[in-house]
Amino acid sequence: MDIRTRLIRFAARPRDPAAMALAGVLGAAFERHGLRTLPMPGLDAEATRRLLARWFPHADAALGLDWAALQGAERQEPRSDEIEDLRALLRDHADAGAGSAEECEAVACALACASLGDNHLWQDLCLPSRRELTALIGRWFPALAARNTHDMKWKKFFYKQLCEREALFICKAPSCGVCTDYGVCFGPEEAVPAAAQA
């Protein structure tokens, strides 16, 4: 049984898109880097322990996590600046009514880490479809969700927002409507071969 599936078994709300996304990111990180390294850059051992206790009670014991050994065992992420920029974007659009600040930070961290993946964002979060991703963003970051008026693919939308924040405009066309890559940025996000995904 993979770690993501084991986490879902301990989830307080297994059908909650946030719980599914967190399980996806945590599970993939633990499987890739091992259980002796913290799974998400930017969350220290104590924050990770509280995250697991809140979303997946008792999963840490079932996984055999050694919290004393995990103190200071942060994973080096060469793109940590991107993760922090994405977390800041999400944090700036968080809805305080969706949950506690710590819960919101955990969801933002999961979204930011998954945004570095090679697949569609919903796939890198191990969500069943884009529908759950849209529900997750709409609940936790509704002001940001409201800005995606043309249903741009979420990962591309996040990076476009980062570019606009820095007044960087790297798109090859002056507007999305006249760009030859319109179909790449907008439209359905179906499962496609990894080499063709963006």
N, C-alpha and C. Protein backbone atom coordinates (compact mmCIF):
# COMPACT_ATOMS: atom_id res chain seq x y z
N MET A 1 0.85 -1.19 0.00
CA MET A 1 0.00 0.00 0.00
C MET A 1 0.89 1.25 0.00
N ASP A 2 0.64 2.17 -0.92
CA ASP A 2 1.46 3.37 -0.98
C ASP A 2 1.14 4.31 0.18
N ILE A 3 2.04 5.27 0.42
CA ILE A 3 1.90 6.15 1.58
C ILE A 3 0.67 7.03 1.46
N ARG A 4 0.38 7.51 0.26
CA ARG A 4 -0.81 8.35 0.07
C ARG A 4 -2.07 7.59 0.52
N THR A 5 -2.20 6.35 0.09
CA THR A 5 -3.36 5.54 0.47
C THR A 5 -3.41 5.33 1.97
N ARG A 6 -2.25 5.12 2.59
CA ARG A 6 -2.21 4.94 4.04
C ARG A 6 -2.63 6.23 4.75
N LEU A 7 -2.20 7.37 4.24
CA LEU A 7 -2.62 8.64 4.85
C LEU A 7 -4.13 8.83 4.74
N ILE A 8 -4.69 8.55 3.59
CA ILE A 8 -6.14 8.70 3.40
C ILE A 8 -6.91 7.83 4.38
N ARG A 9 -6.39 6.66 4.70
CA ARG A 9 -7.06 5.79 5.66
C ARG A 9 -7.16 6.43 7.04
N PHE A 10 -6.22 7.34 7.36
CA PHE A 10 -6.23 8.03 8.65
C PHE A 10 -6.88 9.41 8.57
N ALA A 11 -7.30 9.82 7.40
CA ALA A 11 -7.81 11.19 7.22
C ALA A 11 -9.06 11.44 8.06
N ALA A 12 -9.09 12.61 8.69
CA ALA A 12 -10.27 13.01 9.44
C ALA A 12 -11.46 13.18 8.49
N ARG A 13 -11.20 13.71 7.29
CA ARG A 13 -12.24 13.88 6.25
C ARG A 13 -11.66 13.41 4.92
N PRO A 14 -11.72 12.11 4.65
CA PRO A 14 -11.04 11.56 3.47
C PRO A 14 -11.54 12.08 2.13
N ARG A 15 -12.77 12.59 2.06
CA ARG A 15 -13.30 13.10 0.78
C ARG A 15 -13.06 14.60 0.58
N ASP A 16 -12.49 15.25 1.58
CA ASP A 16 -12.18 16.67 1.49
C ASP A 16 -11.04 16.86 0.48
N PRO A 17 -11.24 17.70 -0.55
CA PRO A 17 -10.17 17.91 -1.53
C PRO A 17 -8.85 18.34 -0.90
N ALA A 18 -8.90 19.13 0.18
CA ALA A 18 -7.66 19.55 0.83
C ALA A 18 -6.94 18.35 1.43
N ALA A 19 -7.68 17.45 2.08
CA ALA A 19 -7.07 16.25 2.66
C ALA A 19 -6.49 15.36 1.57
N MET A 20 -7.23 15.22 0.46
CA MET A 20 -6.73 14.40 -0.65
C MET A 20 -5.44 15.00 -1.24
N ALA A 21 -5.43 16.34 -1.39
CA ALA A 21 -4.25 17.01 -1.95
C ALA A 21 -3.05 16.88 -1.02
N LEU A 22 -3.28 17.11 0.28
CA LEU A 22 -2.19 16.97 1.24
C LEU A 22 -1.65 15.55 1.25
N ALA A 23 -2.54 14.56 1.22
CA ALA A 23 -2.10 13.16 1.18
C ALA A 23 -1.28 12.89 -0.07
N GLY A 24 -1.70 13.47 -1.19
CA GLY A 24 -0.97 13.27 -2.44
C GLY A 24 0.43 13.84 -2.39
N VAL A 25 0.56 15.07 -1.89
CA VAL A 25 1.88 15.71 -1.84
C VAL A 25 2.76 15.04 -0.79
N LEU A 26 2.21 14.81 0.40
CA LEU A 26 3.00 14.16 1.46
C LEU A 26 3.42 12.75 1.04
N GLY A 27 2.47 11.99 0.51
CA GLY A 27 2.77 10.63 0.10
C GLY A 27 3.86 10.57 -0.96
N ALA A 28 3.74 11.41 -1.98
CA ALA A 28 4.75 11.42 -3.05
C ALA A 28 6.12 11.82 -2.52
N ALA A 29 6.15 12.82 -1.63
CA ALA A 29 7.43 13.27 -1.08
C ALA A 29 8.07 12.20 -0.20
N PHE A 30 7.28 11.57 0.67
CA PHE A 30 7.83 10.52 1.52
C PHE A 30 8.33 9.35 0.68
N GLU A 31 7.61 9.00 -0.37
CA GLU A 31 8.05 7.89 -1.20
C GLU A 31 9.30 8.23 -1.99
N ARG A 32 9.42 9.47 -2.42
CA ARG A 32 10.57 9.89 -3.22
C ARG A 32 11.81 10.11 -2.36
N HIS A 33 11.63 10.72 -1.18
CA HIS A 33 12.78 11.14 -0.37
C HIS A 33 12.95 10.34 0.92
N GLY A 34 12.01 9.47 1.23
CA GLY A 34 12.11 8.66 2.44
C GLY A 34 11.45 9.32 3.63
N LEU A 35 11.27 8.53 4.68
CA LEU A 35 10.58 9.00 5.87
C LEU A 35 11.51 9.68 6.87
N ARG A 36 12.77 9.86 6.50
CA ARG A 36 13.72 10.53 7.40
C ARG A 36 13.99 11.97 6.97
N THR A 37 13.22 12.44 6.01
CA THR A 37 13.34 13.81 5.53
C THR A 37 11.96 14.45 5.55
N LEU A 38 11.88 15.70 5.95
CA LEU A 38 10.59 16.39 5.97
C LEU A 38 10.05 16.50 4.55
N PRO A 39 8.76 16.28 4.38
CA PRO A 39 8.21 16.16 3.03
C PRO A 39 8.03 17.46 2.26
N MET A 40 7.73 18.57 2.97
CA MET A 40 7.43 19.81 2.24
C MET A 40 8.39 20.92 2.66
N PRO A 41 9.18 21.43 1.71
CA PRO A 41 10.06 22.55 2.03
C PRO A 41 9.25 23.72 2.58
N GLY A 42 9.77 24.33 3.61
CA GLY A 42 9.08 25.46 4.23
C GLY A 42 8.29 25.10 5.47
N LEU A 43 8.07 23.81 5.71
CA LEU A 43 7.40 23.37 6.93
C LEU A 43 8.39 22.59 7.77
N ASP A 44 8.69 23.11 8.96
CA ASP A 44 9.63 22.41 9.83
C ASP A 44 8.97 21.20 10.47
N ALA A 45 9.73 20.50 11.31
CA ALA A 45 9.24 19.25 11.89
C ALA A 45 7.99 19.48 12.73
N GLU A 46 7.96 20.54 13.52
CA GLU A 46 6.80 20.79 14.38
C GLU A 46 5.56 21.11 13.55
N ALA A 47 5.72 21.94 12.52
CA ALA A 47 4.58 22.26 11.64
C ALA A 47 4.10 21.01 10.91
N THR A 48 5.02 20.16 10.49
CA THR A 48 4.65 18.92 9.82
C THR A 48 3.92 17.98 10.77
N ARG A 49 4.40 17.91 12.00
CA ARG A 49 3.74 17.06 13.01
C ARG A 49 2.31 17.53 13.25
N ARG A 50 2.12 18.85 13.38
CA ARG A 50 0.77 19.39 13.60
C ARG A 50 -0.11 19.17 12.37
N LEU A 51 0.47 19.30 11.18
CA LEU A 51 -0.29 19.06 9.95
C LEU A 51 -0.82 17.62 9.95
N LEU A 52 0.04 16.67 10.22
CA LEU A 52 -0.39 15.27 10.23
C LEU A 52 -1.43 15.02 11.32
N ALA A 53 -1.22 15.61 12.51
CA ALA A 53 -2.17 15.42 13.61
C ALA A 53 -3.54 16.00 13.26
N ARG A 54 -3.57 17.11 12.56
CA ARG A 54 -4.83 17.76 12.20
C ARG A 54 -5.57 17.02 11.09
N TRP A 55 -4.84 16.67 10.03
CA TRP A 55 -5.48 16.12 8.85
C TRP A 55 -5.51 14.59 8.83
N PHE A 56 -4.49 13.96 9.44
CA PHE A 56 -4.34 12.49 9.40
C PHE A 56 -3.97 11.97 10.78
N PRO A 57 -4.88 12.07 11.75
CA PRO A 57 -4.56 11.67 13.13
C PRO A 57 -4.00 10.24 13.22
N HIS A 58 -2.90 10.12 13.94
CA HIS A 58 -2.23 8.85 14.22
C HIS A 58 -1.49 8.26 13.03
N ALA A 59 -1.49 8.93 11.89
CA ALA A 59 -0.76 8.41 10.73
C ALA A 59 0.74 8.43 10.97
N ASP A 60 1.22 9.40 11.75
CA ASP A 60 2.67 9.48 11.98
C ASP A 60 3.17 8.22 12.69
N ALA A 61 2.42 7.73 13.67
CA ALA A 61 2.82 6.50 14.36
C ALA A 61 2.75 5.31 13.41
N ALA A 62 1.71 5.25 12.59
CA ALA A 62 1.56 4.13 11.66
C ALA A 62 2.68 4.11 10.63
N LEU A 63 3.17 5.30 10.26
CA LEU A 63 4.26 5.39 9.30
C LEU A 63 5.62 5.22 9.97
N GLY A 64 5.64 5.25 11.30
CA GLY A 64 6.90 5.11 12.03
C GLY A 64 7.78 6.35 11.96
N LEU A 65 7.16 7.53 11.88
CA LEU A 65 7.95 8.76 11.81
C LEU A 65 8.63 9.02 13.15
N ASP A 66 9.88 9.36 13.10
CA ASP A 66 10.69 9.65 14.28
C ASP A 66 10.85 11.17 14.36
N TRP A 67 10.00 11.82 15.16
CA TRP A 67 10.01 13.29 15.20
C TRP A 67 11.31 13.85 15.73
N ALA A 68 11.96 13.16 16.65
CA ALA A 68 13.25 13.64 17.16
C ALA A 68 14.28 13.65 16.03
N ALA A 69 14.30 12.61 15.22
CA ALA A 69 15.24 12.54 14.10
C ALA A 69 14.90 13.54 13.01
N LEU A 70 13.62 13.89 12.89
CA LEU A 70 13.19 14.83 11.84
C LEU A 70 13.45 16.29 12.19
N GLN A 71 13.82 16.58 13.44
CA GLN A 71 14.15 17.96 13.79
C GLN A 71 15.34 18.40 12.93
N GLY A 72 15.16 19.42 12.17
CA GLY A 72 16.23 19.94 11.32
C GLY A 72 16.50 19.11 10.08
N ALA A 73 15.65 18.13 9.77
CA ALA A 73 15.87 17.26 8.61
C ALA A 73 15.16 17.80 7.38
N GLU A 74 15.23 19.10 7.18
CA GLU A 74 14.53 19.69 6.05
C GLU A 74 15.16 19.28 4.73
N ARG A 75 14.31 19.06 3.76
CA ARG A 75 14.76 18.65 2.44
C ARG A 75 15.24 19.86 1.66
N GLN A 76 16.37 19.74 1.03
CA GLN A 76 16.88 20.82 0.19
C GLN A 76 16.14 20.79 -1.14
N GLU A 77 15.52 21.90 -1.47
CA GLU A 77 14.76 22.00 -2.71
C GLU A 77 15.39 23.10 -3.55
N PRO A 78 15.98 22.75 -4.72
CA PRO A 78 16.65 23.77 -5.53
C PRO A 78 15.72 24.87 -6.01
N ARG A 79 14.42 24.62 -6.05
CA ARG A 79 13.46 25.63 -6.51
C ARG A 79 12.65 26.18 -5.33
N SER A 80 13.27 26.26 -4.17
CA SER A 80 12.55 26.71 -2.98
C SER A 80 12.06 28.15 -3.11
N ASP A 81 12.76 28.97 -3.90
CA ASP A 81 12.30 30.34 -4.11
C ASP A 81 10.96 30.36 -4.84
N GLU A 82 10.76 29.44 -5.79
CA GLU A 82 9.49 29.33 -6.48
C GLU A 82 8.38 28.91 -5.53
N ILE A 83 8.70 27.95 -4.67
CA ILE A 83 7.71 27.48 -3.70
C ILE A 83 7.30 28.64 -2.80
N GLU A 84 8.27 29.40 -2.34
CA GLU A 84 7.94 30.52 -1.45
C GLU A 84 7.13 31.59 -2.18
N ASP A 85 7.46 31.88 -3.43
CA ASP A 85 6.68 32.85 -4.21
C ASP A 85 5.24 32.39 -4.38
N LEU A 86 5.05 31.11 -4.68
CA LEU A 86 3.70 30.58 -4.84
C LEU A 86 2.95 30.58 -3.52
N ARG A 87 3.62 30.22 -2.43
CA ARG A 87 2.98 30.26 -1.11
C ARG A 87 2.55 31.68 -0.77
N ALA A 88 3.39 32.66 -1.08
CA ALA A 88 3.05 34.06 -0.80
C ALA A 88 1.83 34.49 -1.61
N LEU A 89 1.79 34.10 -2.88
CA LEU A 89 0.63 34.42 -3.73
C LEU A 89 -0.65 33.84 -3.12
N LEU A 90 -0.60 32.59 -2.75
CA LEU A 90 -1.77 31.93 -2.16
C LEU A 90 -2.12 32.55 -0.82
N ARG A 91 -1.14 32.77 0.01
CA ARG A 91 -1.36 33.37 1.33
C ARG A 91 -2.05 34.73 1.21
N ASP A 92 -1.65 35.50 0.22
CA ASP A 92 -2.23 36.84 0.02
C ASP A 92 -3.69 36.77 -0.40
N HIS A 93 -4.15 35.63 -0.86
CA HIS A 93 -5.53 35.48 -1.31
C HIS A 93 -6.33 34.50 -0.45
N ALA A 94 -5.79 34.16 0.72
CA ALA A 94 -6.44 33.18 1.59
C ALA A 94 -7.71 33.75 2.22
N ASP A 95 -8.67 32.86 2.43
CA ASP A 95 -9.91 33.22 3.11
C ASP A 95 -9.79 32.77 4.56
N ALA A 96 -9.78 33.74 5.48
CA ALA A 96 -9.64 33.42 6.91
C ALA A 96 -10.79 32.56 7.42
N GLY A 97 -11.91 32.59 6.74
CA GLY A 97 -13.06 31.80 7.16
C GLY A 97 -12.99 30.33 6.74
N ALA A 98 -12.03 29.99 5.88
CA ALA A 98 -11.93 28.61 5.40
C ALA A 98 -11.35 27.67 6.45
N GLY A 99 -10.50 28.20 7.29
CA GLY A 99 -9.84 27.39 8.30
C GLY A 99 -8.81 28.24 9.03
N SER A 100 -8.06 27.61 9.91
CA SER A 100 -7.05 28.34 10.67
C SER A 100 -5.91 28.77 9.75
N ALA A 101 -5.11 29.72 10.23
CA ALA A 101 -3.96 30.18 9.45
C ALA A 101 -3.00 29.02 9.18
N GLU A 102 -2.84 28.13 10.15
CA GLU A 102 -1.94 26.99 9.97
C GLU A 102 -2.49 26.01 8.93
N GLU A 103 -3.79 25.79 8.93
CA GLU A 103 -4.40 24.91 7.93
C GLU A 103 -4.23 25.51 6.54
N CYS A 104 -4.46 26.81 6.44
CA CYS A 104 -4.33 27.50 5.16
C CYS A 104 -2.89 27.42 4.66
N GLU A 105 -1.94 27.57 5.58
CA GLU A 105 -0.53 27.49 5.20
C GLU A 105 -0.19 26.09 4.69
N ALA A 106 -0.75 25.06 5.30
CA ALA A 106 -0.50 23.69 4.85
C ALA A 106 -1.04 23.48 3.44
N VAL A 107 -2.25 23.96 3.19
CA VAL A 107 -2.86 23.81 1.86
C VAL A 107 -2.05 24.60 0.83
N ALA A 108 -1.64 25.81 1.18
CA ALA A 108 -0.84 26.63 0.27
C ALA A 108 0.49 25.95 -0.04
N CYS A 109 1.10 25.36 0.98
CA CYS A 109 2.38 24.68 0.78
C CYS A 109 2.21 23.48 -0.14
N ALA A 110 1.14 22.72 0.04
CA ALA A 110 0.89 21.56 -0.83
C ALA A 110 0.70 22.01 -2.28
N LEU A 111 -0.10 23.05 -2.49
CA LEU A 111 -0.32 23.56 -3.85
C LEU A 111 0.98 24.05 -4.47
N ALA A 112 1.78 24.77 -3.67
CA ALA A 112 3.04 25.31 -4.19
C ALA A 112 4.01 24.19 -4.55
N CYS A 113 4.15 23.21 -3.68
CA CYS A 113 5.05 22.09 -3.97
C CYS A 113 4.60 21.32 -5.20
N ALA A 114 3.31 21.07 -5.30
CA ALA A 114 2.79 20.31 -6.45
C ALA A 114 2.92 21.10 -7.74
N SER A 115 2.94 22.42 -7.66
CA SER A 115 3.06 23.25 -8.86
C SER A 115 4.40 23.06 -9.56
N LEU A 116 5.37 22.50 -8.88
CA LEU A 116 6.67 22.23 -9.49
C LEU A 116 6.68 20.91 -10.26
N GLY A 117 5.60 20.17 -10.18
CA GLY A 117 5.52 18.87 -10.86
C GLY A 117 5.39 19.00 -12.36
N ASP A 118 5.46 17.87 -13.04
CA ASP A 118 5.45 17.84 -14.50
C ASP A 118 4.07 17.65 -15.12
N ASN A 119 3.09 17.30 -14.31
CA ASN A 119 1.75 17.00 -14.82
C ASN A 119 0.81 18.18 -14.58
N HIS A 120 -0.46 18.00 -14.94
CA HIS A 120 -1.45 18.99 -14.55
C HIS A 120 -1.46 19.06 -13.03
N LEU A 121 -1.79 20.20 -12.47
CA LEU A 121 -1.74 20.38 -11.03
C LEU A 121 -2.62 19.38 -10.29
N TRP A 122 -3.82 19.12 -10.80
CA TRP A 122 -4.70 18.17 -10.12
C TRP A 122 -4.07 16.79 -10.09
N GLN A 123 -3.30 16.44 -11.12
CA GLN A 123 -2.63 15.15 -11.15
C GLN A 123 -1.47 15.10 -10.17
N ASP A 124 -0.69 16.18 -10.10
CA ASP A 124 0.44 16.22 -9.16
C ASP A 124 -0.03 16.25 -7.71
N LEU A 125 -1.27 16.65 -7.49
CA LEU A 125 -1.86 16.60 -6.14
C LEU A 125 -2.54 15.26 -5.87
N CYS A 126 -2.57 14.39 -6.88
CA CYS A 126 -3.25 13.08 -6.80
C CYS A 126 -4.74 13.23 -6.53
N LEU A 127 -5.35 14.26 -7.12
CA LEU A 127 -6.79 14.44 -7.03
C LEU A 127 -7.48 13.67 -8.15
N PRO A 128 -8.72 13.28 -7.96
CA PRO A 128 -9.42 12.51 -9.00
C PRO A 128 -9.62 13.28 -10.30
N SER A 129 -9.82 14.60 -10.21
CA SER A 129 -10.04 15.40 -11.42
C SER A 129 -9.79 16.88 -11.10
N ARG A 130 -9.88 17.69 -12.14
CA ARG A 130 -9.70 19.13 -11.96
C ARG A 130 -10.83 19.73 -11.11
N ARG A 131 -11.98 19.09 -11.10
CA ARG A 131 -13.12 19.58 -10.34
C ARG A 131 -12.77 19.73 -8.85
N GLU A 132 -12.08 18.74 -8.28
CA GLU A 132 -11.69 18.82 -6.87
C GLU A 132 -10.67 19.92 -6.63
N LEU A 133 -9.77 20.11 -7.59
CA LEU A 133 -8.78 21.18 -7.46
C LEU A 133 -9.48 22.54 -7.47
N THR A 134 -10.41 22.73 -8.37
CA THR A 134 -11.14 24.00 -8.45
C THR A 134 -11.93 24.24 -7.17
N ALA A 135 -12.53 23.18 -6.61
CA ALA A 135 -13.26 23.31 -5.34
C ALA A 135 -12.31 23.68 -4.21
N LEU A 136 -11.14 23.08 -4.18
CA LEU A 136 -10.14 23.37 -3.15
C LEU A 136 -9.71 24.84 -3.21
N ILE A 137 -9.35 25.30 -4.40
CA ILE A 137 -8.90 26.69 -4.56
C ILE A 137 -10.04 27.65 -4.25
N GLY A 138 -11.25 27.31 -4.69
CA GLY A 138 -12.41 28.17 -4.42
C GLY A 138 -12.71 28.29 -2.95
N ARG A 139 -12.47 27.25 -2.18
CA ARG A 139 -12.74 27.31 -0.75
C ARG A 139 -11.65 28.07 0.01
N TRP A 140 -10.39 27.73 -0.23
CA TRP A 140 -9.30 28.28 0.57
C TRP A 140 -8.78 29.62 0.03
N PHE A 141 -8.87 29.83 -1.28
CA PHE A 141 -8.32 31.04 -1.91
C PHE A 141 -9.34 31.63 -2.89
N PRO A 142 -10.54 31.98 -2.40
CA PRO A 142 -11.62 32.38 -3.31
C PRO A 142 -11.31 33.64 -4.11
N ALA A 143 -10.58 34.58 -3.54
CA ALA A 143 -10.26 35.81 -4.29
C ALA A 143 -9.37 35.50 -5.48
N LEU A 144 -8.48 34.55 -5.32
CA LEU A 144 -7.62 34.14 -6.43
C LEU A 144 -8.43 33.35 -7.45
N ALA A 145 -9.27 32.46 -6.97
CA ALA A 145 -10.12 31.66 -7.87
C ALA A 145 -10.99 32.57 -8.73
N ALA A 146 -11.50 33.63 -8.13
CA ALA A 146 -12.37 34.56 -8.86
C ALA A 146 -11.64 35.28 -9.99
N ARG A 147 -10.33 35.38 -9.89
CA ARG A 147 -9.56 36.07 -10.93
C ARG A 147 -9.35 35.19 -12.17
N ASN A 148 -9.55 33.89 -12.03
CA ASN A 148 -9.38 32.99 -13.17
C ASN A 148 -10.69 32.95 -13.97
N THR A 149 -11.02 34.07 -14.55
CA THR A 149 -12.32 34.25 -15.20
C THR A 149 -12.49 33.44 -16.48
N HIS A 150 -11.39 33.05 -17.12
CA HIS A 150 -11.49 32.31 -18.38
C HIS A 150 -11.09 30.84 -18.23
N ASP A 151 -11.06 30.37 -16.99
CA ASP A 151 -10.79 28.95 -16.72
C ASP A 151 -9.43 28.51 -17.24
N MET A 152 -8.42 29.35 -17.02
CA MET A 152 -7.06 28.98 -17.38
C MET A 152 -6.62 27.80 -16.53
N LYS A 153 -5.78 26.96 -17.05
CA LYS A 153 -5.26 25.84 -16.29
C LYS A 153 -4.54 26.40 -15.06
N TRP A 154 -4.78 25.77 -13.92
CA TRP A 154 -4.38 26.38 -12.65
C TRP A 154 -2.89 26.64 -12.51
N LYS A 155 -2.07 25.71 -12.91
CA LYS A 155 -0.63 25.92 -12.76
C LYS A 155 -0.18 27.11 -13.60
N LYS A 156 -0.66 27.15 -14.84
CA LYS A 156 -0.32 28.28 -15.70
C LYS A 156 -0.87 29.58 -15.13
N PHE A 157 -2.07 29.51 -14.56
CA PHE A 157 -2.67 30.70 -13.97
C PHE A 157 -1.83 31.21 -12.80
N PHE A 158 -1.37 30.32 -11.92
CA PHE A 158 -0.53 30.74 -10.79
C PHE A 158 0.73 31.45 -11.27
N TYR A 159 1.40 30.86 -12.26
CA TYR A 159 2.64 31.46 -12.73
C TYR A 159 2.38 32.77 -13.48
N LYS A 160 1.25 32.85 -14.16
CA LYS A 160 0.90 34.12 -14.82
C LYS A 160 0.67 35.20 -13.77
N GLN A 161 0.05 34.84 -12.65
CA GLN A 161 -0.16 35.80 -11.57
C GLN A 161 1.17 36.25 -10.97
N LEU A 162 2.11 35.31 -10.82
CA LEU A 162 3.43 35.69 -10.30
C LEU A 162 4.12 36.66 -11.25
N CYS A 163 4.04 36.38 -12.54
CA CYS A 163 4.65 37.28 -13.53
C CYS A 163 4.03 38.67 -13.46
N GLU A 164 2.72 38.73 -13.35
CA GLU A 164 2.05 40.03 -13.29
C GLU A 164 2.43 40.78 -12.02
N ARG A 165 2.62 40.06 -10.91
CA ARG A 165 3.03 40.71 -9.66
C ARG A 165 4.38 41.40 -9.81
N GLU A 166 5.25 40.78 -10.61
CA GLU A 166 6.59 41.33 -10.81
C GLU A 166 6.69 42.19 -12.06
N ALA A 167 5.55 42.41 -12.71
CA ALA A 167 5.49 43.18 -13.96
C ALA A 167 6.38 42.55 -15.03
N LEU A 168 6.40 41.20 -15.05
CA LEU A 168 7.11 40.46 -16.09
C LEU A 168 6.08 39.88 -17.04
N PHE A 169 6.23 40.16 -18.30
CA PHE A 169 5.28 39.67 -19.28
C PHE A 169 6.05 38.88 -20.33
N ILE A 170 6.09 37.56 -20.12
CA ILE A 170 6.91 36.71 -20.98
C ILE A 170 6.09 35.96 -22.02
N CYS A 171 4.78 36.15 -22.01
CA CYS A 171 3.95 35.49 -23.01
C CYS A 171 4.33 36.01 -24.39
N LYS A 172 4.17 35.14 -25.40
CA LYS A 172 4.60 35.53 -26.74
C LYS A 172 3.58 36.37 -27.49
N ALA A 173 2.39 36.56 -26.92
CA ALA A 173 1.35 37.37 -27.56
C ALA A 173 0.89 38.45 -26.59
N PRO A 174 0.39 39.56 -27.10
CA PRO A 174 -0.05 40.64 -26.22
C PRO A 174 -1.28 40.29 -25.39
N SER A 175 -2.07 39.33 -25.84
CA SER A 175 -3.23 38.90 -25.06
C SER A 175 -3.48 37.42 -25.33
N CYS A 176 -4.12 36.78 -24.36
CA CYS A 176 -4.37 35.34 -24.49
C CYS A 176 -5.22 35.02 -25.71
N GLY A 177 -6.17 35.88 -26.01
CA GLY A 177 -7.10 35.61 -27.10
C GLY A 177 -6.45 35.48 -28.46
N VAL A 178 -5.29 36.09 -28.66
CA VAL A 178 -4.62 36.03 -29.96
C VAL A 178 -3.39 35.14 -29.95
N CYS A 179 -3.15 34.43 -28.86
CA CYS A 179 -1.95 33.60 -28.74
C CYS A 179 -2.16 32.25 -29.43
N THR A 180 -1.14 31.78 -30.11
CA THR A 180 -1.23 30.47 -30.78
C THR A 180 -1.21 29.32 -29.78
N ASP A 181 -0.81 29.57 -28.54
CA ASP A 181 -0.79 28.54 -27.50
C ASP A 181 -2.06 28.56 -26.64
N TYR A 182 -3.10 29.22 -27.10
CA TYR A 182 -4.32 29.35 -26.30
C TYR A 182 -4.82 27.98 -25.82
N GLY A 183 -4.82 27.01 -26.67
CA GLY A 183 -5.30 25.67 -26.31
C GLY A 183 -4.45 24.98 -25.27
N VAL A 184 -3.20 25.38 -25.13
CA VAL A 184 -2.32 24.80 -24.12
C VAL A 184 -2.66 25.35 -22.73
N CYS A 185 -3.03 26.61 -22.67
CA CYS A 185 -3.30 27.26 -21.39
C CYS A 185 -4.74 27.13 -20.92
N PHE A 186 -5.67 27.01 -21.86
CA PHE A 186 -7.08 26.96 -21.53
C PHE A 186 -7.68 25.66 -22.05
N GLY A 187 -8.82 25.30 -21.53
CA GLY A 187 -9.51 24.12 -22.01
C GLY A 187 -9.40 22.96 -21.04
N PRO A 188 -9.93 21.81 -21.44
CA PRO A 188 -9.98 20.66 -20.53
C PRO A 188 -8.59 20.15 -20.18
N GLU A 189 -8.51 19.60 -18.98
CA GLU A 189 -7.25 19.01 -18.50
C GLU A 189 -7.45 17.52 -18.35
N GLU A 190 -7.33 16.83 -19.41
CA GLU A 190 -7.50 15.38 -19.40
C GLU A 190 -6.14 14.73 -19.21
N ALA A 191 -6.17 13.50 -18.78
CA ALA A 191 -4.92 12.76 -18.63
C ALA A 191 -4.28 12.58 -20.00
N VAL A 192 -3.05 13.05 -20.13
CA VAL A 192 -2.30 12.92 -21.37
C VAL A 192 -0.92 12.36 -21.03
N PRO A 193 -0.21 11.84 -22.01
CA PRO A 193 1.14 11.32 -21.74
C PRO A 193 2.01 12.39 -21.09
N ALA A 194 2.86 11.98 -20.15
CA ALA A 194 3.69 12.91 -19.39
C ALA A 194 4.50 13.83 -20.27
N ALA A 195 5.01 13.37 -21.38
CA ALA A 195 5.85 14.19 -22.26
C ALA A 195 5.07 15.35 -22.87
N ALA A 196 3.76 15.23 -22.95
CA ALA A 196 2.95 16.27 -23.59
C ALA A 196 2.32 17.23 -22.58
N GLN A 197 2.52 16.98 -21.30
CA GLN A 197 1.85 17.81 -20.29
C GLN A 197 2.67 19.03 -19.95
N ALA A 198 1.95 20.10 -19.51
CA ALA A 198 2.60 21.34 -19.10
C ALA A 198 2.01 21.82 -17.81
